[in-house]
């Protein structure tokens, strides 16, 4: 029996070593470079106005009153809507999340609770889990943009607090959301 096991082990070792054998390959040539002549001349010499930088700290801008309650401020908007059965933050809400992350970064004592919600379709357990994934997605994005983890609490309310009670797609869309609430407000 030992002899058979030793023979099998030797055969396996031979196959493994044979698989590791390398053969020299022809060296790959580099990519060709195209000569396009001289660069085109710039005709229009008007200065270009740079786009507004959304990564600048919020404190560089003058603030009048509390930006969290000012209806003219992006910080007064607190809801992020999600697609059906999704917890991916849509591109249209990224400036909103960026603004809240900058606010949290500029105000270290500020604390936020992100509440994940789901529409009534699906089981209660599924909607609680989906709401948690939605709130975690917003929290992760806030952290990636500079907010500290200890400033943000992530909770799921599932289908328990709907914004709309009709059974229509437009109503369900309002209930698939993540709400950002500042503590002490």
N, C-alpha and C. Protein backbone atom coordinates (compact mmCIF):
# COMPACT_ATOMS: atom_id res chain seq x y z
N UNK A 1 0.82 -1.19 0.00
CA UNK A 1 0.00 0.00 0.00
C UNK A 1 0.87 1.25 0.00
N UNK A 2 1.96 1.20 0.84
CA UNK A 2 2.85 2.35 0.88
C UNK A 2 3.53 2.55 -0.46
N UNK A 3 3.82 1.45 -1.12
CA UNK A 3 4.49 1.51 -2.41
C UNK A 3 3.58 2.17 -3.45
N UNK A 4 2.29 1.85 -3.41
CA UNK A 4 1.32 2.42 -4.34
C UNK A 4 1.17 3.92 -4.10
N UNK A 5 1.06 4.33 -2.84
CA UNK A 5 0.96 5.75 -2.50
C UNK A 5 2.21 6.52 -2.91
N UNK A 6 3.38 5.89 -2.73
CA UNK A 6 4.63 6.52 -3.12
C UNK A 6 4.70 6.68 -4.63
N UNK A 7 4.20 5.69 -5.35
CA UNK A 7 4.18 5.75 -6.81
C UNK A 7 3.24 6.84 -7.31
N UNK A 8 2.08 6.96 -6.68
CA UNK A 8 1.11 8.00 -7.06
C UNK A 8 1.68 9.39 -6.77
N UNK A 9 2.32 9.54 -5.62
CA UNK A 9 2.92 10.82 -5.26
C UNK A 9 4.01 11.21 -6.23
N UNK A 10 4.81 10.22 -6.66
CA UNK A 10 5.88 10.50 -7.62
C UNK A 10 5.29 10.92 -8.97
N UNK A 11 4.21 10.25 -9.39
CA UNK A 11 3.58 10.58 -10.67
C UNK A 11 2.99 11.99 -10.63
N UNK A 12 2.36 12.35 -9.53
CA UNK A 12 1.79 13.69 -9.38
C UNK A 12 2.90 14.74 -9.42
N UNK A 13 4.02 14.46 -8.76
CA UNK A 13 5.14 15.40 -8.75
C UNK A 13 5.70 15.61 -10.15
N UNK A 14 5.77 14.53 -10.95
CA UNK A 14 6.26 14.65 -12.32
C UNK A 14 5.33 15.52 -13.15
N UNK A 15 4.01 15.31 -13.00
CA UNK A 15 3.05 16.12 -13.75
C UNK A 15 3.09 17.59 -13.34
N UNK A 16 3.24 17.83 -12.06
CA UNK A 16 3.31 19.21 -11.58
C UNK A 16 4.55 19.90 -12.12
N UNK A 17 5.68 19.22 -12.05
CA UNK A 17 6.91 19.82 -12.56
C UNK A 17 6.86 20.01 -14.07
N UNK A 18 6.23 19.10 -14.77
CA UNK A 18 6.10 19.24 -16.22
C UNK A 18 5.22 20.43 -16.57
N UNK A 19 4.22 20.68 -15.75
CA UNK A 19 3.33 21.83 -15.98
C UNK A 19 4.03 23.15 -15.70
N UNK A 20 5.06 23.12 -14.88
CA UNK A 20 5.77 24.35 -14.54
C UNK A 20 6.87 24.69 -15.53
N UNK A 21 7.16 23.78 -16.47
CA UNK A 21 8.24 24.02 -17.42
C UNK A 21 7.89 25.21 -18.30
N UNK A 22 8.84 26.07 -18.50
CA UNK A 22 8.60 27.23 -19.35
C UNK A 22 9.41 27.09 -20.62
N UNK A 23 8.83 27.61 -21.66
CA UNK A 23 9.55 27.62 -22.93
C UNK A 23 9.82 29.06 -23.29
N UNK A 24 11.01 29.33 -23.85
CA UNK A 24 11.31 30.71 -24.21
C UNK A 24 10.35 31.18 -25.30
N UNK A 25 9.88 32.41 -25.17
CA UNK A 25 8.96 32.99 -26.15
C UNK A 25 9.64 34.13 -26.86
N UNK A 26 9.18 34.40 -28.05
CA UNK A 26 9.72 35.52 -28.82
C UNK A 26 9.29 36.82 -28.14
N UNK A 27 10.22 37.74 -27.97
CA UNK A 27 9.92 38.99 -27.29
C UNK A 27 8.95 39.81 -28.13
N UNK A 28 7.95 40.36 -27.49
CA UNK A 28 6.93 41.14 -28.18
C UNK A 28 7.50 42.49 -28.58
N UNK A 29 7.17 42.89 -29.80
CA UNK A 29 7.64 44.18 -30.28
C UNK A 29 6.78 45.29 -29.72
N UNK A 30 7.36 46.48 -29.60
CA UNK A 30 6.61 47.63 -29.11
C UNK A 30 5.61 48.13 -30.15
N UNK A 31 4.71 48.96 -29.73
CA UNK A 31 3.70 49.53 -30.64
C UNK A 31 4.34 50.58 -31.53
N UNK A 32 3.81 50.68 -32.72
CA UNK A 32 4.33 51.67 -33.67
C UNK A 32 3.88 53.06 -33.25
N UNK A 33 4.72 54.05 -33.52
CA UNK A 33 4.41 55.44 -33.19
C UNK A 33 4.10 56.17 -34.48
N UNK A 34 2.97 56.85 -34.48
CA UNK A 34 2.54 57.57 -35.66
C UNK A 34 3.01 59.01 -35.57
N UNK A 35 3.62 59.51 -36.63
CA UNK A 35 4.07 60.90 -36.67
C UNK A 35 2.97 61.74 -37.29
N UNK A 36 2.42 62.64 -36.53
CA UNK A 36 1.32 63.47 -37.03
C UNK A 36 1.78 64.86 -37.40
N UNK A 37 3.04 65.07 -37.49
CA UNK A 37 3.55 66.39 -37.85
C UNK A 37 3.45 67.34 -36.67
N UNK A 38 3.40 68.62 -36.97
CA UNK A 38 3.35 69.59 -35.87
C UNK A 38 1.92 69.75 -35.35
N UNK A 39 1.80 70.19 -34.12
CA UNK A 39 0.51 70.35 -33.47
C UNK A 39 -0.31 71.44 -34.16
N UNK A 40 -1.64 71.29 -34.18
CA UNK A 40 -2.47 72.31 -34.80
C UNK A 40 -2.39 73.62 -34.03
N UNK A 41 -2.55 74.70 -34.76
CA UNK A 41 -2.48 76.03 -34.16
C UNK A 41 -3.83 76.37 -33.50
N UNK A 42 -3.77 77.01 -32.34
CA UNK A 42 -4.98 77.41 -31.64
C UNK A 42 -5.44 78.73 -32.21
N UNK A 43 -6.72 78.77 -32.66
CA UNK A 43 -7.25 79.97 -33.28
C UNK A 43 -7.99 80.82 -32.27
N UNK A 44 -8.88 80.18 -31.49
CA UNK A 44 -9.70 80.91 -30.52
C UNK A 44 -8.91 81.04 -29.22
N UNK A 45 -8.54 82.26 -28.85
CA UNK A 45 -7.70 82.46 -27.67
C UNK A 45 -8.47 83.07 -26.49
N UNK A 46 -9.81 82.89 -26.46
CA UNK A 46 -10.61 83.40 -25.35
C UNK A 46 -10.32 82.55 -24.12
N UNK A 47 -10.23 83.18 -22.95
CA UNK A 47 -10.00 82.37 -21.74
C UNK A 47 -11.24 81.52 -21.45
N UNK A 48 -10.99 80.31 -21.04
CA UNK A 48 -12.06 79.38 -20.72
C UNK A 48 -12.35 79.48 -19.24
N UNK A 49 -13.63 79.65 -18.90
CA UNK A 49 -14.02 79.71 -17.50
C UNK A 49 -14.06 78.29 -16.95
N UNK A 50 -13.30 78.01 -15.88
CA UNK A 50 -13.28 76.65 -15.34
C UNK A 50 -14.62 76.30 -14.70
N UNK A 51 -14.96 75.01 -14.74
CA UNK A 51 -16.18 74.54 -14.10
C UNK A 51 -16.04 74.69 -12.60
N UNK A 52 -17.16 74.83 -11.91
CA UNK A 52 -17.12 74.97 -10.46
C UNK A 52 -16.56 73.70 -9.84
N UNK A 53 -15.61 73.86 -8.97
CA UNK A 53 -14.97 72.72 -8.32
C UNK A 53 -15.83 72.27 -7.14
N UNK A 54 -16.36 71.03 -7.22
CA UNK A 54 -17.20 70.53 -6.15
C UNK A 54 -16.39 69.87 -5.05
N UNK A 55 -15.06 69.83 -5.20
CA UNK A 55 -14.24 69.20 -4.17
C UNK A 55 -13.68 70.20 -3.18
N UNK A 56 -13.89 71.51 -3.42
CA UNK A 56 -13.39 72.52 -2.48
C UNK A 56 -14.14 72.41 -1.15
N UNK A 57 -13.48 72.70 -0.06
CA UNK A 57 -14.18 72.68 1.23
C UNK A 57 -15.31 73.70 1.24
N UNK A 58 -16.38 73.37 1.94
CA UNK A 58 -17.55 74.22 2.01
C UNK A 58 -17.24 75.56 2.68
N UNK A 59 -16.30 75.58 3.61
CA UNK A 59 -16.04 76.81 4.36
C UNK A 59 -15.43 77.93 3.51
N UNK A 60 -14.97 77.62 2.27
CA UNK A 60 -14.43 78.66 1.40
C UNK A 60 -15.54 79.57 0.87
N UNK A 61 -16.75 79.09 0.91
CA UNK A 61 -17.88 79.87 0.39
C UNK A 61 -18.55 80.59 1.56
N UNK A 62 -18.96 81.82 1.36
CA UNK A 62 -19.63 82.53 2.45
C UNK A 62 -21.00 81.92 2.72
N UNK A 63 -21.31 81.74 3.98
CA UNK A 63 -22.58 81.14 4.37
C UNK A 63 -23.44 82.17 5.09
N UNK A 64 -24.70 82.18 4.75
CA UNK A 64 -25.65 83.06 5.42
C UNK A 64 -26.60 82.19 6.21
N UNK A 65 -26.55 82.24 7.51
CA UNK A 65 -27.44 81.43 8.34
C UNK A 65 -27.00 79.98 8.36
N UNK A 66 -27.93 79.10 8.65
CA UNK A 66 -27.66 77.67 8.72
C UNK A 66 -27.86 77.04 7.34
N UNK A 67 -26.81 76.53 6.70
CA UNK A 67 -26.97 75.97 5.36
C UNK A 67 -27.82 74.70 5.34
N UNK A 68 -27.97 74.05 6.50
CA UNK A 68 -28.77 72.84 6.55
C UNK A 68 -30.26 73.12 6.41
N UNK A 69 -30.68 74.32 6.80
CA UNK A 69 -32.10 74.66 6.72
C UNK A 69 -32.42 75.69 5.64
N UNK A 70 -31.39 76.24 5.00
CA UNK A 70 -31.58 77.22 3.93
C UNK A 70 -32.10 76.52 2.68
N UNK A 71 -33.33 76.83 2.23
CA UNK A 71 -33.89 76.14 1.06
C UNK A 71 -33.07 76.36 -0.21
N UNK A 72 -32.25 77.39 -0.26
CA UNK A 72 -31.42 77.63 -1.42
C UNK A 72 -30.13 76.81 -1.42
N UNK A 73 -29.84 76.15 -0.33
CA UNK A 73 -28.61 75.36 -0.20
C UNK A 73 -28.88 73.91 -0.58
N UNK A 74 -27.90 73.29 -1.23
CA UNK A 74 -28.02 71.87 -1.57
C UNK A 74 -28.10 71.01 -0.31
N UNK A 75 -27.57 71.52 0.80
CA UNK A 75 -27.59 70.78 2.06
C UNK A 75 -28.99 70.63 2.65
N UNK A 76 -29.94 71.42 2.17
CA UNK A 76 -31.32 71.27 2.67
C UNK A 76 -32.00 70.06 2.03
N UNK A 77 -31.43 69.55 0.95
CA UNK A 77 -31.97 68.34 0.31
C UNK A 77 -31.36 67.14 1.02
N UNK A 78 -32.18 66.18 1.40
CA UNK A 78 -31.70 65.09 2.25
C UNK A 78 -32.01 63.69 1.73
N UNK A 79 -32.74 63.55 0.61
CA UNK A 79 -33.13 62.23 0.15
C UNK A 79 -32.42 61.83 -1.13
N UNK A 80 -32.05 60.56 -1.18
CA UNK A 80 -31.45 59.97 -2.36
C UNK A 80 -32.37 58.84 -2.80
N UNK A 81 -32.88 58.92 -4.01
CA UNK A 81 -33.79 57.89 -4.50
C UNK A 81 -33.01 56.80 -5.24
N UNK A 82 -33.48 55.57 -5.09
CA UNK A 82 -32.82 54.41 -5.69
C UNK A 82 -33.74 53.75 -6.71
N UNK A 83 -33.13 53.02 -7.64
CA UNK A 83 -33.90 52.23 -8.59
C UNK A 83 -34.47 51.01 -7.88
N UNK A 84 -35.44 50.37 -8.52
CA UNK A 84 -36.06 49.17 -7.98
C UNK A 84 -35.02 48.10 -7.71
N UNK A 85 -35.04 47.52 -6.53
CA UNK A 85 -34.17 46.42 -6.14
C UNK A 85 -32.68 46.77 -6.30
N UNK A 86 -32.32 48.02 -6.04
CA UNK A 86 -30.94 48.47 -6.21
C UNK A 86 -30.51 49.29 -4.99
N UNK A 87 -29.21 49.27 -4.74
CA UNK A 87 -28.66 50.11 -3.68
C UNK A 87 -27.46 50.90 -4.21
N UNK A 88 -27.44 51.17 -5.51
CA UNK A 88 -26.39 51.95 -6.14
C UNK A 88 -26.82 53.42 -6.17
N UNK A 89 -25.96 54.30 -5.66
CA UNK A 89 -26.26 55.74 -5.67
C UNK A 89 -26.14 56.23 -7.12
N UNK A 90 -27.23 56.79 -7.63
CA UNK A 90 -27.25 57.25 -9.02
C UNK A 90 -26.39 58.50 -9.17
N UNK A 91 -25.89 58.71 -10.39
CA UNK A 91 -25.02 59.86 -10.69
C UNK A 91 -25.67 61.19 -10.34
N UNK A 92 -26.98 61.29 -10.50
CA UNK A 92 -27.66 62.56 -10.25
C UNK A 92 -27.62 62.97 -8.78
N UNK A 93 -27.35 62.01 -7.87
CA UNK A 93 -27.31 62.31 -6.44
C UNK A 93 -25.88 62.47 -5.90
N UNK A 94 -24.88 62.26 -6.74
CA UNK A 94 -23.50 62.35 -6.28
C UNK A 94 -23.12 63.76 -5.83
N UNK A 95 -23.56 64.84 -6.50
CA UNK A 95 -23.26 66.18 -5.97
C UNK A 95 -23.88 66.43 -4.59
N UNK A 96 -25.07 65.87 -4.36
CA UNK A 96 -25.73 66.02 -3.06
C UNK A 96 -24.92 65.31 -1.97
N UNK A 97 -24.49 64.08 -2.23
CA UNK A 97 -23.70 63.35 -1.26
C UNK A 97 -22.36 64.04 -1.04
N UNK A 98 -21.77 64.56 -2.10
CA UNK A 98 -20.50 65.28 -2.00
C UNK A 98 -20.64 66.50 -1.09
N UNK A 99 -21.71 67.26 -1.26
CA UNK A 99 -21.94 68.45 -0.44
C UNK A 99 -22.08 68.08 1.04
N UNK A 100 -22.82 67.01 1.33
CA UNK A 100 -22.98 66.58 2.73
C UNK A 100 -21.66 66.05 3.30
N UNK A 101 -20.87 65.38 2.48
CA UNK A 101 -19.56 64.90 2.96
C UNK A 101 -18.66 66.08 3.29
N UNK A 102 -18.68 67.12 2.45
CA UNK A 102 -17.86 68.31 2.72
C UNK A 102 -18.33 69.00 3.99
N UNK A 103 -19.65 69.05 4.20
CA UNK A 103 -20.18 69.68 5.42
C UNK A 103 -19.70 68.91 6.65
N UNK A 104 -19.80 67.58 6.60
CA UNK A 104 -19.35 66.77 7.74
C UNK A 104 -17.85 66.92 7.97
N UNK A 105 -17.10 67.02 6.88
CA UNK A 105 -15.66 67.19 6.99
C UNK A 105 -15.32 68.55 7.61
N UNK A 106 -16.07 69.56 7.24
CA UNK A 106 -15.82 70.92 7.75
C UNK A 106 -16.37 71.13 9.16
N UNK A 107 -17.27 70.27 9.59
CA UNK A 107 -17.89 70.38 10.91
C UNK A 107 -17.70 69.06 11.65
N UNK A 108 -16.55 68.87 12.29
CA UNK A 108 -16.24 67.59 12.93
C UNK A 108 -17.21 67.18 14.03
N UNK A 109 -17.93 68.12 14.61
CA UNK A 109 -18.87 67.76 15.68
C UNK A 109 -20.24 67.35 15.13
N UNK A 110 -20.47 67.53 13.84
CA UNK A 110 -21.77 67.17 13.24
C UNK A 110 -21.90 65.66 13.16
N UNK A 111 -23.11 65.17 13.41
CA UNK A 111 -23.42 63.74 13.35
C UNK A 111 -24.64 63.55 12.46
N UNK A 112 -24.63 62.45 11.70
CA UNK A 112 -25.71 62.18 10.75
C UNK A 112 -26.18 60.74 10.89
N UNK A 113 -27.48 60.55 10.66
CA UNK A 113 -28.04 59.21 10.57
C UNK A 113 -28.57 59.04 9.16
N UNK A 114 -28.13 57.98 8.47
CA UNK A 114 -28.62 57.67 7.13
C UNK A 114 -29.63 56.54 7.29
N UNK A 115 -30.89 56.83 6.90
CA UNK A 115 -31.97 55.87 7.03
C UNK A 115 -32.29 55.28 5.66
N UNK A 116 -32.17 53.95 5.55
CA UNK A 116 -32.48 53.27 4.30
C UNK A 116 -33.92 52.82 4.28
N UNK A 117 -34.61 53.07 3.17
CA UNK A 117 -36.03 52.71 3.04
C UNK A 117 -36.23 51.85 1.80
N UNK A 118 -37.34 51.11 1.78
CA UNK A 118 -37.72 50.29 0.64
C UNK A 118 -39.22 50.45 0.41
N UNK A 119 -39.67 50.12 -0.79
CA UNK A 119 -41.12 50.15 -1.01
C UNK A 119 -41.74 48.88 -0.42
N UNK A 120 -43.05 48.78 -0.49
CA UNK A 120 -43.76 47.69 0.19
C UNK A 120 -43.64 46.34 -0.49
N UNK A 121 -43.13 46.31 -1.72
CA UNK A 121 -42.99 45.04 -2.43
C UNK A 121 -41.83 44.25 -1.84
N UNK A 122 -42.00 42.97 -1.70
CA UNK A 122 -40.98 42.12 -1.09
C UNK A 122 -41.32 41.85 0.37
N UNK A 123 -40.67 40.83 0.93
CA UNK A 123 -40.95 40.47 2.32
C UNK A 123 -40.37 41.54 3.25
N UNK A 124 -40.85 41.53 4.48
CA UNK A 124 -40.38 42.49 5.47
C UNK A 124 -38.87 42.33 5.69
N UNK A 125 -38.41 41.09 5.78
CA UNK A 125 -36.99 40.82 6.01
C UNK A 125 -36.14 41.30 4.83
N UNK A 126 -36.62 41.03 3.62
CA UNK A 126 -35.89 41.48 2.42
C UNK A 126 -35.78 43.00 2.39
N UNK A 127 -36.89 43.69 2.70
CA UNK A 127 -36.89 45.15 2.67
C UNK A 127 -36.00 45.75 3.75
N UNK A 128 -35.93 45.11 4.91
CA UNK A 128 -35.01 45.57 5.97
C UNK A 128 -33.57 45.45 5.46
N UNK A 129 -33.24 44.30 4.84
CA UNK A 129 -31.88 44.10 4.33
C UNK A 129 -31.56 45.07 3.20
N UNK A 130 -32.51 45.31 2.30
CA UNK A 130 -32.29 46.24 1.19
C UNK A 130 -32.13 47.67 1.71
N UNK A 131 -32.94 48.05 2.69
CA UNK A 131 -32.79 49.37 3.30
C UNK A 131 -31.43 49.55 3.95
N UNK A 132 -30.92 48.49 4.57
CA UNK A 132 -29.59 48.56 5.20
C UNK A 132 -28.50 48.72 4.14
N UNK A 133 -28.63 47.98 3.04
CA UNK A 133 -27.64 48.11 1.96
C UNK A 133 -27.68 49.52 1.37
N UNK A 134 -28.86 50.11 1.27
CA UNK A 134 -28.97 51.48 0.75
C UNK A 134 -28.33 52.48 1.70
N UNK A 135 -28.60 52.35 2.98
CA UNK A 135 -27.99 53.29 3.93
C UNK A 135 -26.47 53.09 4.01
N UNK A 136 -26.02 51.85 3.91
CA UNK A 136 -24.57 51.59 3.91
C UNK A 136 -23.90 52.16 2.66
N UNK A 137 -24.59 52.12 1.52
CA UNK A 137 -24.02 52.67 0.28
C UNK A 137 -23.81 54.18 0.42
N UNK A 138 -24.79 54.87 1.00
CA UNK A 138 -24.66 56.31 1.19
C UNK A 138 -23.55 56.60 2.21
N UNK A 139 -23.51 55.83 3.29
CA UNK A 139 -22.48 56.02 4.31
C UNK A 139 -21.09 55.80 3.71
N UNK A 140 -20.92 54.75 2.93
CA UNK A 140 -19.62 54.47 2.31
C UNK A 140 -19.20 55.60 1.39
N UNK A 141 -20.15 56.13 0.62
CA UNK A 141 -19.83 57.23 -0.29
C UNK A 141 -19.43 58.48 0.49
N UNK A 142 -20.13 58.77 1.57
CA UNK A 142 -19.79 59.92 2.41
C UNK A 142 -18.37 59.76 2.97
N UNK A 143 -18.04 58.55 3.40
CA UNK A 143 -16.71 58.31 3.96
C UNK A 143 -15.64 58.43 2.89
N UNK A 144 -15.90 57.92 1.71
CA UNK A 144 -14.93 58.03 0.62
C UNK A 144 -14.68 59.48 0.24
N UNK A 145 -15.67 60.33 0.47
CA UNK A 145 -15.55 61.74 0.13
C UNK A 145 -15.02 62.58 1.29
N UNK A 146 -14.63 61.95 2.40
CA UNK A 146 -13.96 62.69 3.46
C UNK A 146 -14.63 62.74 4.81
N UNK A 147 -15.86 62.27 4.95
CA UNK A 147 -16.51 62.26 6.26
C UNK A 147 -15.93 61.11 7.09
N UNK A 148 -15.93 61.29 8.39
CA UNK A 148 -15.41 60.25 9.28
C UNK A 148 -16.50 59.23 9.59
N UNK A 149 -16.11 57.98 9.80
CA UNK A 149 -17.06 56.91 10.09
C UNK A 149 -17.84 57.17 11.37
N UNK A 150 -17.19 57.76 12.38
CA UNK A 150 -17.87 58.00 13.65
C UNK A 150 -18.89 59.14 13.58
N UNK A 151 -18.96 59.84 12.46
CA UNK A 151 -19.95 60.91 12.29
C UNK A 151 -21.27 60.38 11.70
N UNK A 152 -21.25 59.14 11.19
CA UNK A 152 -22.39 58.65 10.42
C UNK A 152 -22.91 57.35 11.01
N UNK A 153 -24.21 57.31 11.28
CA UNK A 153 -24.88 56.10 11.73
C UNK A 153 -25.74 55.60 10.57
N UNK A 154 -25.72 54.32 10.32
CA UNK A 154 -26.44 53.74 9.20
C UNK A 154 -27.51 52.79 9.74
N UNK A 155 -28.79 53.07 9.42
CA UNK A 155 -29.90 52.23 9.89
C UNK A 155 -30.85 51.93 8.75
N UNK A 156 -31.61 50.87 8.92
CA UNK A 156 -32.63 50.51 7.94
C UNK A 156 -34.00 50.59 8.57
N UNK A 157 -34.92 51.20 7.86
CA UNK A 157 -36.32 51.25 8.31
C UNK A 157 -37.19 50.41 7.39
N UNK A 158 -36.58 49.80 6.37
CA UNK A 158 -37.32 48.93 5.45
C UNK A 158 -38.51 49.65 4.86
N UNK A 159 -39.66 49.00 4.95
CA UNK A 159 -40.90 49.56 4.40
C UNK A 159 -41.75 50.24 5.47
N UNK A 160 -41.20 50.40 6.66
CA UNK A 160 -41.97 50.88 7.82
C UNK A 160 -42.40 52.34 7.77
N UNK A 161 -41.66 53.21 7.12
CA UNK A 161 -42.01 54.63 7.08
C UNK A 161 -42.09 55.10 5.63
N UNK A 162 -43.16 54.73 4.93
CA UNK A 162 -43.28 55.16 3.53
C UNK A 162 -43.58 56.66 3.43
N UNK A 163 -43.08 57.25 2.37
CA UNK A 163 -43.37 58.66 2.08
C UNK A 163 -44.72 58.76 1.37
N UNK A 164 -45.10 57.72 0.65
CA UNK A 164 -46.33 57.70 -0.13
C UNK A 164 -46.99 56.33 0.06
N UNK A 165 -48.32 56.30 0.17
CA UNK A 165 -49.02 55.05 0.46
C UNK A 165 -49.81 54.48 -0.71
N UNK A 166 -49.78 55.11 -1.86
CA UNK A 166 -50.49 54.57 -3.03
C UNK A 166 -49.73 53.39 -3.60
N UNK A 167 -50.42 52.55 -4.33
CA UNK A 167 -49.76 51.41 -4.94
C UNK A 167 -49.55 51.68 -6.42
N UNK A 168 -48.69 52.68 -6.69
CA UNK A 168 -48.33 53.03 -8.06
C UNK A 168 -46.81 53.09 -8.14
N UNK A 169 -46.28 53.00 -9.36
CA UNK A 169 -44.83 53.03 -9.54
C UNK A 169 -44.23 54.35 -9.06
N UNK A 170 -44.91 55.48 -9.35
CA UNK A 170 -44.37 56.77 -8.92
C UNK A 170 -44.33 56.87 -7.39
N UNK A 171 -45.28 56.27 -6.74
CA UNK A 171 -45.29 56.27 -5.27
C UNK A 171 -44.21 55.35 -4.72
N UNK A 172 -44.09 54.17 -5.30
CA UNK A 172 -43.04 53.24 -4.85
C UNK A 172 -41.65 53.85 -5.04
N UNK A 173 -41.48 54.61 -6.13
CA UNK A 173 -40.18 55.24 -6.39
C UNK A 173 -39.81 56.22 -5.28
N UNK A 174 -40.81 56.90 -4.71
CA UNK A 174 -40.54 57.85 -3.61
C UNK A 174 -40.14 57.12 -2.33
N UNK A 175 -40.58 55.87 -2.20
CA UNK A 175 -40.29 55.10 -0.98
C UNK A 175 -38.95 54.38 -1.05
N UNK A 176 -38.37 54.26 -2.22
CA UNK A 176 -37.05 53.62 -2.38
C UNK A 176 -35.99 54.71 -2.20
N UNK A 177 -35.58 54.95 -0.97
CA UNK A 177 -34.73 56.11 -0.73
C UNK A 177 -33.79 55.89 0.46
N UNK A 178 -32.84 56.80 0.54
CA UNK A 178 -31.98 56.92 1.70
C UNK A 178 -32.11 58.35 2.19
N UNK A 179 -32.50 58.53 3.42
CA UNK A 179 -32.67 59.87 3.99
C UNK A 179 -31.51 60.18 4.93
N UNK A 180 -30.97 61.40 4.79
CA UNK A 180 -29.88 61.84 5.65
C UNK A 180 -30.47 62.81 6.68
N UNK A 181 -30.31 62.50 7.95
CA UNK A 181 -30.83 63.34 9.01
C UNK A 181 -29.69 63.68 9.97
N UNK A 182 -29.51 64.99 10.22
CA UNK A 182 -28.48 65.41 11.17
C UNK A 182 -29.04 65.31 12.57
N UNK A 183 -28.25 64.76 13.47
CA UNK A 183 -28.69 64.58 14.85
C UNK A 183 -28.67 65.92 15.57
N UNK A 184 -29.66 66.16 16.40
CA UNK A 184 -29.75 67.41 17.13
C UNK A 184 -30.42 68.51 16.34
N UNK A 185 -30.98 68.20 15.24
CA UNK A 185 -31.62 69.21 14.40
C UNK A 185 -33.10 69.28 14.68
